[in-house]
Amino acid sequence: MYIDVEPNPNTDKSFSMIYRDVTPPREVFAIKYTLPGGTEEPVQVTGWDADTGGPCPAFACKVEESGDGTALLIHGGSGGIRLKRLEDETPWNPGAPEQWGDSHLVLPKDSFIVYKDEL
């Protein structure tokens, strides 16, 4: 699996990496995320398409992490992923102050996750 994200309105981070996926990707609805300040909360996740400037599906799969064993990779579109608190019903928007973007996330393999096909 190849992840390639260039800086865009969703995230100013650039990231390019090849991962060896060990499970098929599944569409993600929510994960548990450590917020600034150290509190862990469930948050919604979507992918971000840099070309359209809008949301797209986000996916998770288990990958081999060099030397660390298996991890959970959360990835989205060409613009990375976008996150917001679970109760936030505002539309996905890079200008929304209570939302944030990232290129991707690599979490411990047993992290809390809710897949769309489980809703």
N, C-alpha and C. Protein backbone atom coordinates (compact mmCIF):
# COMPACT_ATOMS: atom_id res chain seq x y z
N MET A 1 0.84 -1.16 0.00
CA MET A 1 0.00 0.00 0.00
C MET A 1 0.89 1.23 0.00
N TYR A 2 0.60 2.16 -0.90
CA TYR A 2 1.39 3.37 -1.04
C TYR A 2 0.57 4.57 -0.57
N ILE A 3 1.09 5.32 0.39
CA ILE A 3 0.46 6.53 0.90
C ILE A 3 1.30 7.71 0.41
N ASP A 4 0.65 8.66 -0.26
CA ASP A 4 1.35 9.84 -0.77
C ASP A 4 0.45 11.06 -0.58
N VAL A 5 0.84 11.93 0.33
CA VAL A 5 0.06 13.14 0.64
C VAL A 5 0.99 14.34 0.52
N GLU A 6 0.60 15.29 -0.30
CA GLU A 6 1.32 16.56 -0.43
C GLU A 6 0.59 17.60 0.42
N PRO A 7 1.29 18.65 0.87
CA PRO A 7 0.61 19.71 1.63
C PRO A 7 -0.59 20.24 0.85
N ASN A 8 -1.69 20.48 1.56
CA ASN A 8 -2.94 20.95 0.95
C ASN A 8 -3.74 21.66 2.03
N PRO A 9 -4.92 22.21 1.72
CA PRO A 9 -5.68 22.92 2.75
C PRO A 9 -6.07 22.07 3.97
N ASN A 10 -6.10 20.74 3.84
CA ASN A 10 -6.44 19.86 4.94
C ASN A 10 -5.27 19.67 5.92
N THR A 11 -4.07 19.56 5.41
CA THR A 11 -2.89 19.37 6.25
C THR A 11 -1.66 19.98 5.58
N ASP A 12 -0.81 20.56 6.38
CA ASP A 12 0.41 21.14 5.82
C ASP A 12 1.54 20.11 5.78
N LYS A 13 1.23 18.88 6.21
CA LYS A 13 2.24 17.81 6.22
C LYS A 13 2.37 17.17 4.86
N SER A 14 3.58 16.76 4.55
CA SER A 14 3.88 15.97 3.37
C SER A 14 4.30 14.59 3.84
N PHE A 15 3.79 13.54 3.19
CA PHE A 15 4.13 12.20 3.62
C PHE A 15 4.09 11.26 2.44
N SER A 16 5.08 10.39 2.34
CA SER A 16 5.14 9.38 1.29
C SER A 16 5.79 8.12 1.86
N MET A 17 5.06 6.99 1.78
CA MET A 17 5.58 5.76 2.38
C MET A 17 4.86 4.56 1.76
N ILE A 18 5.59 3.46 1.68
CA ILE A 18 5.01 2.18 1.26
C ILE A 18 4.87 1.31 2.49
N TYR A 19 3.68 0.74 2.68
CA TYR A 19 3.41 -0.18 3.78
C TYR A 19 3.05 -1.54 3.20
N ARG A 20 3.36 -2.58 3.94
CA ARG A 20 2.93 -3.93 3.57
C ARG A 20 1.68 -4.23 4.37
N ASP A 21 0.52 -4.20 3.68
CA ASP A 21 -0.74 -4.46 4.37
C ASP A 21 -0.91 -5.96 4.58
N VAL A 22 -1.46 -6.32 5.75
CA VAL A 22 -1.66 -7.72 6.10
C VAL A 22 -3.14 -8.07 6.25
N THR A 23 -4.01 -7.05 6.17
CA THR A 23 -5.46 -7.27 6.13
C THR A 23 -6.03 -6.36 5.05
N PRO A 24 -7.19 -6.72 4.50
CA PRO A 24 -7.82 -5.83 3.51
C PRO A 24 -8.29 -4.54 4.18
N PRO A 25 -8.30 -3.43 3.45
CA PRO A 25 -8.78 -2.17 4.02
C PRO A 25 -10.30 -2.21 4.22
N ARG A 26 -10.74 -1.56 5.30
CA ARG A 26 -12.17 -1.40 5.59
C ARG A 26 -12.44 0.07 5.85
N GLU A 27 -13.61 0.54 5.42
CA GLU A 27 -13.95 1.95 5.61
C GLU A 27 -14.18 2.24 7.10
N VAL A 28 -13.62 3.35 7.55
CA VAL A 28 -13.64 3.75 8.96
C VAL A 28 -14.73 4.79 9.21
N PHE A 29 -15.37 4.69 10.37
CA PHE A 29 -16.28 5.74 10.84
C PHE A 29 -15.65 6.53 11.98
N ALA A 30 -15.09 5.83 12.98
CA ALA A 30 -14.55 6.51 14.16
C ALA A 30 -13.39 5.72 14.75
N ILE A 31 -12.53 6.45 15.46
CA ILE A 31 -11.42 5.86 16.19
C ILE A 31 -11.32 6.57 17.54
N LYS A 32 -10.55 6.02 18.45
CA LYS A 32 -10.22 6.72 19.70
C LYS A 32 -8.92 7.46 19.44
N TYR A 33 -8.90 8.74 19.80
CA TYR A 33 -7.79 9.62 19.45
C TYR A 33 -7.36 10.42 20.68
N THR A 34 -6.08 10.60 20.86
CA THR A 34 -5.58 11.40 21.98
C THR A 34 -5.55 12.87 21.55
N LEU A 35 -6.39 13.67 22.19
CA LEU A 35 -6.50 15.09 21.89
C LEU A 35 -5.37 15.86 22.58
N PRO A 36 -5.10 17.09 22.11
CA PRO A 36 -4.13 17.92 22.84
C PRO A 36 -4.59 18.05 24.30
N GLY A 37 -3.69 17.88 25.20
CA GLY A 37 -4.05 17.88 26.61
C GLY A 37 -4.07 16.47 27.19
N GLY A 38 -4.00 15.47 26.29
CA GLY A 38 -3.87 14.09 26.74
C GLY A 38 -5.14 13.30 26.92
N THR A 39 -6.31 13.91 26.72
CA THR A 39 -7.54 13.14 26.87
C THR A 39 -7.80 12.32 25.62
N GLU A 40 -8.29 11.11 25.83
CA GLU A 40 -8.60 10.22 24.71
C GLU A 40 -10.10 10.22 24.49
N GLU A 41 -10.52 10.48 23.25
CA GLU A 41 -11.95 10.54 22.92
C GLU A 41 -12.19 9.86 21.58
N PRO A 42 -13.41 9.34 21.40
CA PRO A 42 -13.75 8.85 20.06
C PRO A 42 -13.95 10.05 19.12
N VAL A 43 -13.42 9.93 17.91
CA VAL A 43 -13.57 10.99 16.91
C VAL A 43 -13.99 10.37 15.58
N GLN A 44 -14.74 11.16 14.81
CA GLN A 44 -15.09 10.75 13.45
C GLN A 44 -13.88 10.93 12.54
N VAL A 45 -13.80 10.10 11.52
CA VAL A 45 -12.70 10.18 10.56
C VAL A 45 -13.27 10.13 9.15
N THR A 46 -12.73 10.97 8.29
CA THR A 46 -13.03 10.88 6.86
C THR A 46 -11.73 11.06 6.11
N GLY A 47 -11.72 10.62 4.87
CA GLY A 47 -10.59 10.91 4.01
C GLY A 47 -10.77 12.29 3.42
N TRP A 48 -9.70 12.84 2.84
CA TRP A 48 -9.79 14.15 2.19
C TRP A 48 -9.17 14.05 0.82
N ASP A 49 -9.93 14.48 -0.19
CA ASP A 49 -9.46 14.47 -1.58
C ASP A 49 -8.92 15.85 -1.92
N ALA A 50 -7.63 15.95 -2.16
CA ALA A 50 -6.99 17.25 -2.43
C ALA A 50 -7.46 17.83 -3.76
N ASP A 51 -7.83 16.98 -4.72
CA ASP A 51 -8.25 17.47 -6.04
C ASP A 51 -9.63 18.11 -5.99
N THR A 52 -10.56 17.49 -5.28
CA THR A 52 -11.92 18.03 -5.21
C THR A 52 -12.10 18.99 -4.04
N GLY A 53 -11.18 18.95 -3.06
CA GLY A 53 -11.31 19.79 -1.88
C GLY A 53 -12.46 19.35 -1.00
N GLY A 54 -12.73 18.05 -0.99
CA GLY A 54 -13.85 17.55 -0.20
C GLY A 54 -13.57 16.19 0.40
N PRO A 55 -14.52 15.73 1.21
CA PRO A 55 -14.34 14.44 1.88
C PRO A 55 -14.42 13.26 0.92
N CYS A 56 -13.79 12.18 1.32
CA CYS A 56 -13.83 10.91 0.62
C CYS A 56 -13.69 9.83 1.69
N PRO A 57 -13.86 8.57 1.38
CA PRO A 57 -13.75 7.54 2.41
C PRO A 57 -12.35 7.49 3.05
N ALA A 58 -12.33 7.13 4.32
CA ALA A 58 -11.09 6.82 5.04
C ALA A 58 -11.10 5.33 5.30
N PHE A 59 -9.94 4.73 5.31
CA PHE A 59 -9.82 3.28 5.46
C PHE A 59 -8.81 2.93 6.55
N ALA A 60 -8.95 1.73 7.07
CA ALA A 60 -8.00 1.19 8.03
C ALA A 60 -7.63 -0.21 7.62
N CYS A 61 -6.38 -0.56 7.81
CA CYS A 61 -5.93 -1.93 7.60
C CYS A 61 -4.72 -2.16 8.50
N LYS A 62 -4.49 -3.40 8.81
CA LYS A 62 -3.30 -3.74 9.59
C LYS A 62 -2.13 -3.83 8.64
N VAL A 63 -0.99 -3.28 9.08
CA VAL A 63 0.22 -3.26 8.27
C VAL A 63 1.39 -3.74 9.11
N GLU A 64 2.43 -4.20 8.43
CA GLU A 64 3.68 -4.52 9.13
C GLU A 64 4.44 -3.23 9.34
N GLU A 65 4.79 -2.97 10.58
CA GLU A 65 5.55 -1.78 10.94
C GLU A 65 6.98 -2.23 11.18
N SER A 66 7.92 -1.69 10.44
CA SER A 66 9.31 -2.16 10.48
C SER A 66 9.83 -2.34 11.90
N GLY A 67 10.04 -3.59 12.27
CA GLY A 67 10.60 -3.91 13.56
C GLY A 67 9.64 -3.87 14.73
N ASP A 68 8.47 -3.24 14.56
CA ASP A 68 7.53 -3.09 15.67
C ASP A 68 6.36 -4.07 15.59
N GLY A 69 6.34 -4.92 14.58
CA GLY A 69 5.23 -5.85 14.43
C GLY A 69 4.09 -5.26 13.64
N THR A 70 2.87 -5.62 14.01
CA THR A 70 1.68 -5.18 13.28
C THR A 70 1.11 -3.91 13.90
N ALA A 71 0.65 -3.00 13.04
CA ALA A 71 0.03 -1.75 13.49
C ALA A 71 -1.23 -1.51 12.65
N LEU A 72 -2.03 -0.54 13.07
CA LEU A 72 -3.25 -0.18 12.36
C LEU A 72 -3.00 1.13 11.61
N LEU A 73 -3.10 1.09 10.30
CA LEU A 73 -2.90 2.26 9.45
C LEU A 73 -4.25 2.86 9.10
N ILE A 74 -4.43 4.15 9.39
CA ILE A 74 -5.63 4.90 9.01
C ILE A 74 -5.20 5.84 7.90
N HIS A 75 -5.84 5.73 6.73
CA HIS A 75 -5.46 6.56 5.59
C HIS A 75 -6.70 7.00 4.83
N GLY A 76 -6.54 8.05 4.05
CA GLY A 76 -7.67 8.60 3.31
C GLY A 76 -7.32 8.82 1.86
N GLY A 77 -7.66 9.99 1.36
CA GLY A 77 -7.43 10.31 -0.03
C GLY A 77 -6.12 11.04 -0.24
N SER A 78 -6.01 11.69 -1.38
CA SER A 78 -4.77 12.39 -1.75
C SER A 78 -4.46 13.56 -0.81
N GLY A 79 -5.45 13.99 -0.03
CA GLY A 79 -5.26 15.08 0.92
C GLY A 79 -5.17 14.61 2.35
N GLY A 80 -5.08 13.29 2.58
CA GLY A 80 -4.92 12.76 3.92
C GLY A 80 -6.25 12.38 4.56
N ILE A 81 -6.33 12.60 5.87
CA ILE A 81 -7.55 12.31 6.63
C ILE A 81 -7.97 13.56 7.39
N ARG A 82 -9.23 13.60 7.77
CA ARG A 82 -9.77 14.71 8.55
C ARG A 82 -10.52 14.12 9.73
N LEU A 83 -10.41 14.77 10.91
CA LEU A 83 -11.01 14.27 12.13
C LEU A 83 -11.82 15.37 12.82
N LYS A 84 -12.85 14.93 13.56
CA LYS A 84 -13.63 15.84 14.40
C LYS A 84 -14.26 15.02 15.52
N ARG A 85 -14.63 15.71 16.59
CA ARG A 85 -15.24 15.02 17.73
C ARG A 85 -16.49 14.27 17.28
N LEU A 86 -16.80 13.19 17.97
CA LEU A 86 -17.90 12.32 17.60
C LEU A 86 -19.23 13.06 17.53
N GLU A 87 -19.47 13.98 18.45
CA GLU A 87 -20.75 14.69 18.49
C GLU A 87 -20.83 15.87 17.54
N ASP A 88 -19.75 16.22 16.89
CA ASP A 88 -19.70 17.36 15.97
C ASP A 88 -20.47 17.03 14.69
N GLU A 89 -21.53 17.79 14.42
CA GLU A 89 -22.35 17.55 13.23
C GLU A 89 -22.10 18.57 12.12
N THR A 90 -21.09 19.43 12.27
CA THR A 90 -20.80 20.41 11.23
C THR A 90 -20.25 19.71 10.00
N PRO A 91 -20.47 20.27 8.80
CA PRO A 91 -19.93 19.66 7.59
C PRO A 91 -18.39 19.61 7.63
N TRP A 92 -17.82 18.63 6.96
CA TRP A 92 -16.36 18.52 6.87
C TRP A 92 -15.84 19.73 6.11
N ASN A 93 -14.86 20.43 6.72
CA ASN A 93 -14.34 21.66 6.12
C ASN A 93 -12.98 21.98 6.74
N PRO A 94 -11.94 22.18 5.91
CA PRO A 94 -10.62 22.52 6.47
C PRO A 94 -10.61 23.82 7.27
N GLY A 95 -11.60 24.68 7.05
CA GLY A 95 -11.67 25.95 7.78
C GLY A 95 -12.40 25.84 9.11
N ALA A 96 -13.00 24.69 9.40
CA ALA A 96 -13.75 24.52 10.65
C ALA A 96 -12.77 24.45 11.83
N PRO A 97 -12.94 25.31 12.83
CA PRO A 97 -11.97 25.38 13.93
C PRO A 97 -11.93 24.14 14.82
N GLU A 98 -12.98 23.37 14.89
CA GLU A 98 -13.02 22.19 15.76
C GLU A 98 -12.66 20.90 15.02
N GLN A 99 -12.17 21.01 13.80
CA GLN A 99 -11.73 19.85 13.02
C GLN A 99 -10.23 19.99 12.78
N TRP A 100 -9.59 18.87 12.44
CA TRP A 100 -8.17 18.92 12.14
C TRP A 100 -7.83 17.85 11.11
N GLY A 101 -6.77 18.09 10.37
CA GLY A 101 -6.35 17.15 9.34
C GLY A 101 -4.97 16.57 9.64
N ASP A 102 -4.69 15.46 9.00
CA ASP A 102 -3.39 14.81 9.13
C ASP A 102 -3.15 14.03 7.84
N SER A 103 -1.91 13.64 7.61
CA SER A 103 -1.61 12.86 6.40
C SER A 103 -2.12 11.43 6.53
N HIS A 104 -2.03 10.86 7.74
CA HIS A 104 -2.43 9.48 8.03
C HIS A 104 -2.19 9.26 9.53
N LEU A 105 -2.57 8.13 10.04
CA LEU A 105 -2.25 7.76 11.42
C LEU A 105 -1.79 6.31 11.45
N VAL A 106 -0.83 6.01 12.30
CA VAL A 106 -0.43 4.63 12.57
C VAL A 106 -0.66 4.43 14.06
N LEU A 107 -1.58 3.51 14.38
CA LEU A 107 -2.00 3.27 15.76
C LEU A 107 -1.65 1.84 16.17
N PRO A 108 -1.65 1.57 17.47
CA PRO A 108 -1.46 0.18 17.90
C PRO A 108 -2.54 -0.72 17.29
N LYS A 109 -2.18 -1.95 16.99
CA LYS A 109 -3.08 -2.85 16.26
C LYS A 109 -4.39 -3.13 16.98
N ASP A 110 -4.42 -3.00 18.30
CA ASP A 110 -5.64 -3.28 19.06
C ASP A 110 -6.40 -2.00 19.44
N SER A 111 -6.17 -0.91 18.72
CA SER A 111 -6.84 0.36 19.01
C SER A 111 -8.34 0.26 18.78
N PHE A 112 -9.09 1.09 19.51
CA PHE A 112 -10.54 1.18 19.35
C PHE A 112 -10.84 1.75 17.96
N ILE A 113 -11.70 1.08 17.23
CA ILE A 113 -12.09 1.53 15.90
C ILE A 113 -13.50 1.07 15.61
N VAL A 114 -14.28 1.91 14.92
CA VAL A 114 -15.61 1.55 14.46
C VAL A 114 -15.58 1.64 12.93
N TYR A 115 -15.89 0.52 12.29
CA TYR A 115 -15.93 0.47 10.84
C TYR A 115 -17.34 0.78 10.36
N LYS A 116 -17.45 1.38 9.17
CA LYS A 116 -18.76 1.74 8.61
C LYS A 116 -19.65 0.52 8.45
N ASP A 117 -19.07 -0.65 8.11
CA ASP A 117 -19.91 -1.83 7.91
C ASP A 117 -20.42 -2.43 9.22
N GLU A 118 -20.05 -1.82 10.36
CA GLU A 118 -20.55 -2.27 11.66
C GLU A 118 -21.68 -1.39 12.17
N LEU A 119 -21.99 -0.31 11.47
CA LEU A 119 -23.03 0.62 11.92
C LEU A 119 -24.41 0.07 11.64
